[in-house]
N, C-alpha and C. Protein backbone atom coordinates (compact mmCIF):
# COMPACT_ATOMS: atom_id res chain seq x y z
N MET A 1 94.86 113.36 99.61
CA MET A 1 93.74 112.26 100.56
C MET A 1 92.70 112.44 99.70
N ALA A 2 91.35 112.30 100.15
CA ALA A 2 90.19 112.26 99.55
C ALA A 2 89.81 113.07 99.73
N GLY A 3 90.27 114.17 100.66
CA GLY A 3 88.91 115.03 101.41
C GLY A 3 87.35 113.81 101.98
N ALA A 4 86.38 114.47 101.45
CA ALA A 4 85.22 114.08 102.32
C ALA A 4 84.86 113.32 101.35
N ALA A 5 85.45 112.78 100.51
CA ALA A 5 84.77 111.98 99.53
C ALA A 5 84.78 110.64 100.38
N THR A 6 84.21 109.73 100.02
CA THR A 6 83.86 107.90 100.91
C THR A 6 84.69 107.44 99.35
N ASP A 7 84.14 107.58 98.54
CA ASP A 7 84.59 106.30 97.33
C ASP A 7 86.15 107.37 96.60
N LEU A 8 86.14 106.08 96.47
CA LEU A 8 88.13 105.82 96.68
C LEU A 8 88.14 105.39 95.16
N SER A 9 87.85 104.87 94.54
CA SER A 9 87.54 103.81 93.60
C SER A 9 88.71 104.23 92.11
N SER A 10 88.87 106.15 92.36
CA SER A 10 88.92 107.01 91.17
C SER A 10 90.89 107.05 91.15
N LEU A 11 90.96 107.21 92.92
CA LEU A 11 91.91 107.48 93.12
C LEU A 11 93.16 105.77 93.23
N PRO A 12 94.77 106.48 92.91
CA PRO A 12 95.83 105.43 92.52
C PRO A 12 95.49 104.12 93.46
N GLU A 13 96.09 103.52 93.53
CA GLU A 13 96.12 102.33 94.32
C GLU A 13 96.85 102.80 95.58
N VAL A 14 97.92 103.17 95.26
CA VAL A 14 98.64 103.82 96.63
C VAL A 14 98.02 104.90 97.44
N GLN A 15 97.57 105.36 97.08
CA GLN A 15 96.60 106.48 97.30
C GLN A 15 95.67 106.19 98.32
N ARG A 16 94.63 104.93 97.57
CA ARG A 16 93.67 104.74 98.18
C ARG A 16 93.98 103.98 99.48
N LYS A 17 95.34 103.23 99.67
CA LYS A 17 96.11 102.58 100.93
C LYS A 17 96.62 103.58 101.83
N ARG A 18 96.58 104.58 101.19
CA ARG A 18 97.00 105.73 101.93
C ARG A 18 95.93 106.23 103.10
N THR A 19 95.32 106.12 102.00
CA THR A 19 93.99 107.19 102.99
C THR A 19 92.90 105.98 103.64
N LEU A 20 92.74 104.72 103.44
CA LEU A 20 92.50 104.03 104.70
C LEU A 20 93.19 103.69 105.40
N GLU A 21 94.42 103.58 105.28
CA GLU A 21 95.30 103.75 106.65
C GLU A 21 95.28 104.92 107.10
N LEU A 22 95.21 106.40 107.04
CA LEU A 22 95.44 107.76 107.56
C LEU A 22 93.94 107.70 107.94
N SER A 23 92.81 106.60 107.42
CA SER A 23 91.24 107.07 108.87
C SER A 23 91.53 106.07 110.02
N ALA A 24 92.00 104.73 109.77
CA ALA A 24 92.07 104.05 110.69
C ALA A 24 93.53 104.58 112.30
N TYR A 25 94.24 105.29 111.47
CA TYR A 25 95.40 105.59 112.47
C TYR A 25 94.64 106.84 113.34
N PHE A 26 93.39 108.00 112.75
CA PHE A 26 93.06 108.52 113.87
C PHE A 26 92.05 108.21 114.51
N THR A 27 91.89 106.64 114.59
CA THR A 27 91.48 105.84 115.83
C THR A 27 91.47 105.84 117.04
N VAL A 28 93.29 106.01 116.55
CA VAL A 28 94.26 105.56 117.66
C VAL A 28 94.61 106.31 118.55
N PRO A 29 94.82 107.78 118.25
CA PRO A 29 95.28 108.94 119.57
C PRO A 29 94.47 109.31 120.66
N ALA A 30 94.35 109.18 121.67
CA ALA A 30 94.02 109.57 122.66
C ALA A 30 93.39 110.97 122.66
N LEU A 31 92.32 111.01 122.60
CA LEU A 31 91.54 112.34 122.10
C LEU A 31 90.20 112.64 122.62
N ASP A 32 89.63 113.44 122.44
CA ASP A 32 88.10 113.81 123.17
C ASP A 32 87.78 112.97 122.53
N PRO A 33 86.66 112.48 123.61
CA PRO A 33 85.42 110.71 123.09
C PRO A 33 84.66 111.85 121.99
N ASN A 34 84.73 112.81 122.66
CA ASN A 34 83.43 112.71 120.84
C ASN A 34 84.09 112.86 119.38
N HIS A 35 85.15 113.22 119.82
CA HIS A 35 85.97 113.52 118.54
C HIS A 35 86.71 111.73 118.43
N VAL A 36 86.92 111.11 118.74
CA VAL A 36 87.12 109.45 118.70
C VAL A 36 86.22 108.58 118.07
N THR A 37 84.33 109.20 118.41
CA THR A 37 83.29 108.73 118.27
C THR A 37 83.63 109.10 116.64
N LEU A 38 83.33 110.69 116.51
CA LEU A 38 83.54 111.26 115.00
C LEU A 38 84.83 110.42 113.93
N ALA A 39 86.14 110.10 114.40
CA ALA A 39 87.04 109.27 113.97
C ALA A 39 86.72 108.24 113.66
N LEU A 40 85.65 107.24 114.23
CA LEU A 40 85.48 105.77 114.04
C LEU A 40 84.54 105.36 113.36
N PHE A 41 83.25 106.71 113.50
CA PHE A 41 82.45 106.66 112.22
C PHE A 41 83.15 106.82 111.22
N SER A 42 84.21 107.61 111.19
CA SER A 42 83.89 108.07 109.66
C SER A 42 85.06 106.94 109.10
N ALA A 43 85.75 106.36 110.34
CA ALA A 43 86.93 105.13 109.32
C ALA A 43 85.83 104.06 109.15
N MET A 44 85.32 103.54 109.70
CA MET A 44 83.53 102.73 109.96
C MET A 44 83.21 103.00 107.61
N ASN A 45 82.77 103.86 108.22
CA ASN A 45 82.00 104.36 106.48
C ASN A 45 83.15 104.10 105.67
N LEU A 46 84.29 104.89 105.81
CA LEU A 46 85.21 104.84 104.66
C LEU A 46 85.60 103.26 104.59
N ALA A 47 86.02 102.45 105.22
CA ALA A 47 86.43 100.90 105.30
C ALA A 47 85.43 100.36 104.82
N ASN A 48 83.96 100.32 104.85
CA ASN A 48 82.99 99.78 104.69
C ASN A 48 82.58 100.07 103.31
N ARG A 49 82.97 101.06 102.48
CA ARG A 49 81.94 101.81 101.27
C ARG A 49 83.45 101.18 100.05
N ASN A 50 84.85 101.34 100.65
CA ASN A 50 85.71 100.27 100.05
C ASN A 50 85.60 99.30 100.02
N LYS A 51 85.35 98.11 100.39
CA LYS A 51 85.22 96.71 100.56
C LYS A 51 86.19 96.69 101.60
N GLN A 52 86.76 97.42 102.72
CA GLN A 52 87.02 97.22 103.42
C GLN A 52 86.49 96.41 104.92
N LEU A 53 86.01 95.12 104.69
CA LEU A 53 84.58 94.99 105.64
C LEU A 53 85.47 94.16 106.85
N SER A 54 86.37 93.65 106.63
CA SER A 54 86.81 93.33 108.40
C SER A 54 87.30 95.08 109.27
N SER A 55 87.71 95.75 108.58
CA SER A 55 88.11 96.89 108.79
C SER A 55 86.98 97.82 109.29
N ALA A 56 86.16 97.60 108.74
CA ALA A 56 84.80 98.03 109.33
C ALA A 56 83.97 97.37 110.17
N LEU A 57 84.06 96.32 110.15
CA LEU A 57 83.37 95.58 111.65
C LEU A 57 84.33 95.81 113.03
N GLY A 58 85.57 96.01 112.34
CA GLY A 58 86.29 96.36 113.57
C GLY A 58 85.40 97.60 114.33
N PHE A 59 86.04 98.70 113.46
CA PHE A 59 85.17 99.99 113.81
C PHE A 59 84.44 100.13 114.27
N ALA A 60 83.16 99.59 113.90
CA ALA A 60 81.75 99.22 114.15
C ALA A 60 81.48 98.80 115.39
N ASN A 61 82.50 97.69 116.26
CA ASN A 61 82.70 97.16 117.57
C ASN A 61 82.71 98.05 118.45
N THR A 62 84.37 98.72 118.32
CA THR A 62 84.76 99.75 118.98
C THR A 62 83.63 101.06 119.33
N LEU A 63 83.11 101.46 117.85
CA LEU A 63 82.47 102.31 118.40
C LEU A 63 81.06 102.24 119.25
N ILE A 64 80.70 100.84 118.92
CA ILE A 64 79.50 100.61 119.71
C ILE A 64 79.90 100.30 121.83
N GLU A 65 81.16 99.98 121.67
CA GLU A 65 81.51 100.09 123.24
C GLU A 65 81.71 101.54 123.33
N LYS A 66 82.79 102.09 122.39
CA LYS A 66 83.50 103.72 123.08
C LYS A 66 82.62 104.30 123.01
N GLY A 67 81.99 104.48 122.26
CA GLY A 67 81.56 105.95 120.90
C GLY A 67 80.40 106.52 122.16
N THR A 68 80.09 107.94 121.84
CA THR A 68 79.65 108.67 123.01
C THR A 68 78.50 109.34 122.28
N ASN A 69 78.02 108.97 121.41
CA ASN A 69 77.00 109.97 120.07
C ASN A 69 75.81 108.98 120.11
N ALA A 70 74.98 109.22 120.63
CA ALA A 70 73.67 108.08 120.65
C ALA A 70 73.04 107.77 118.91
N LYS A 71 72.97 108.97 118.14
CA LYS A 71 72.97 108.44 116.95
C LYS A 71 73.98 107.54 116.16
N PHE A 72 75.51 107.86 115.89
CA PHE A 72 76.05 107.12 115.83
C PHE A 72 76.03 105.76 115.76
N LYS A 73 75.75 105.48 117.49
CA LYS A 73 75.66 104.19 117.85
C LYS A 73 74.53 103.17 116.95
N GLU A 74 73.43 104.19 116.92
CA GLU A 74 72.01 103.70 116.76
C GLU A 74 72.41 103.39 115.19
N ASN A 75 73.46 104.37 114.69
CA ASN A 75 73.30 103.94 113.30
C ASN A 75 74.46 102.29 112.93
N VAL A 76 75.31 102.33 113.39
CA VAL A 76 76.26 101.51 113.52
C VAL A 76 75.49 100.14 113.84
N SER A 77 74.59 100.44 114.84
CA SER A 77 74.04 98.99 115.09
C SER A 77 73.20 98.40 113.65
N GLU A 78 72.39 99.46 113.26
CA GLU A 78 71.52 99.04 111.89
C GLU A 78 72.52 98.53 110.94
N ASP A 79 73.89 98.89 110.61
CA ASP A 79 74.84 99.08 109.11
C ASP A 79 75.88 97.57 110.15
N LYS A 80 75.50 97.20 111.30
CA LYS A 80 76.46 96.04 111.51
C LYS A 80 76.29 94.78 111.07
N PRO A 81 75.18 94.73 111.12
CA PRO A 81 74.27 93.22 110.76
C PRO A 81 74.45 93.37 108.82
N LYS A 82 75.00 94.33 108.66
CA LYS A 82 74.84 94.58 106.63
C LYS A 82 76.16 94.30 106.55
N ILE A 83 77.21 94.86 107.35
CA ILE A 83 78.83 94.85 107.01
C ILE A 83 79.00 92.89 107.60
N LEU A 84 78.46 92.56 108.12
CA LEU A 84 78.61 91.62 108.52
C LEU A 84 77.91 90.13 107.90
N LEU A 85 77.41 90.29 107.17
CA LEU A 85 76.53 89.47 105.88
C LEU A 85 77.24 88.92 104.50
N ASP A 86 78.16 90.78 104.02
CA ASP A 86 78.89 91.38 103.77
C ASP A 86 80.20 90.07 104.05
N THR A 87 80.44 89.98 104.96
CA THR A 87 82.08 89.27 105.05
C THR A 87 81.66 87.55 105.06
N ALA A 88 80.40 87.63 105.17
CA ALA A 88 80.27 86.31 105.38
C ALA A 88 79.80 85.74 103.93
N ASP A 89 79.51 87.00 102.70
CA ASP A 89 79.83 86.12 101.30
C ASP A 89 80.89 85.68 100.45
N MET A 90 82.56 86.75 101.49
CA MET A 90 82.89 86.95 101.01
C MET A 90 84.16 85.26 100.88
């Protein structure tokens, strides 16, 4: 696993895919709302930094809808237009 690092470019392709999958899986289970917010924010950042823009956008939308932390929601609201522009450029 990548630990706290968000740049996965130095990892082998198989491990990179697995890390992104695991970050997405942590957003699915029924967790405490605060933990779900943290999992969504982490998965969004990891996906965005590794050019998985459609996943990042999905996590951002879910975080805005279900998130409990106002600071995370504010950050996502600021980052979402940048993610949308990046997906449009693809």
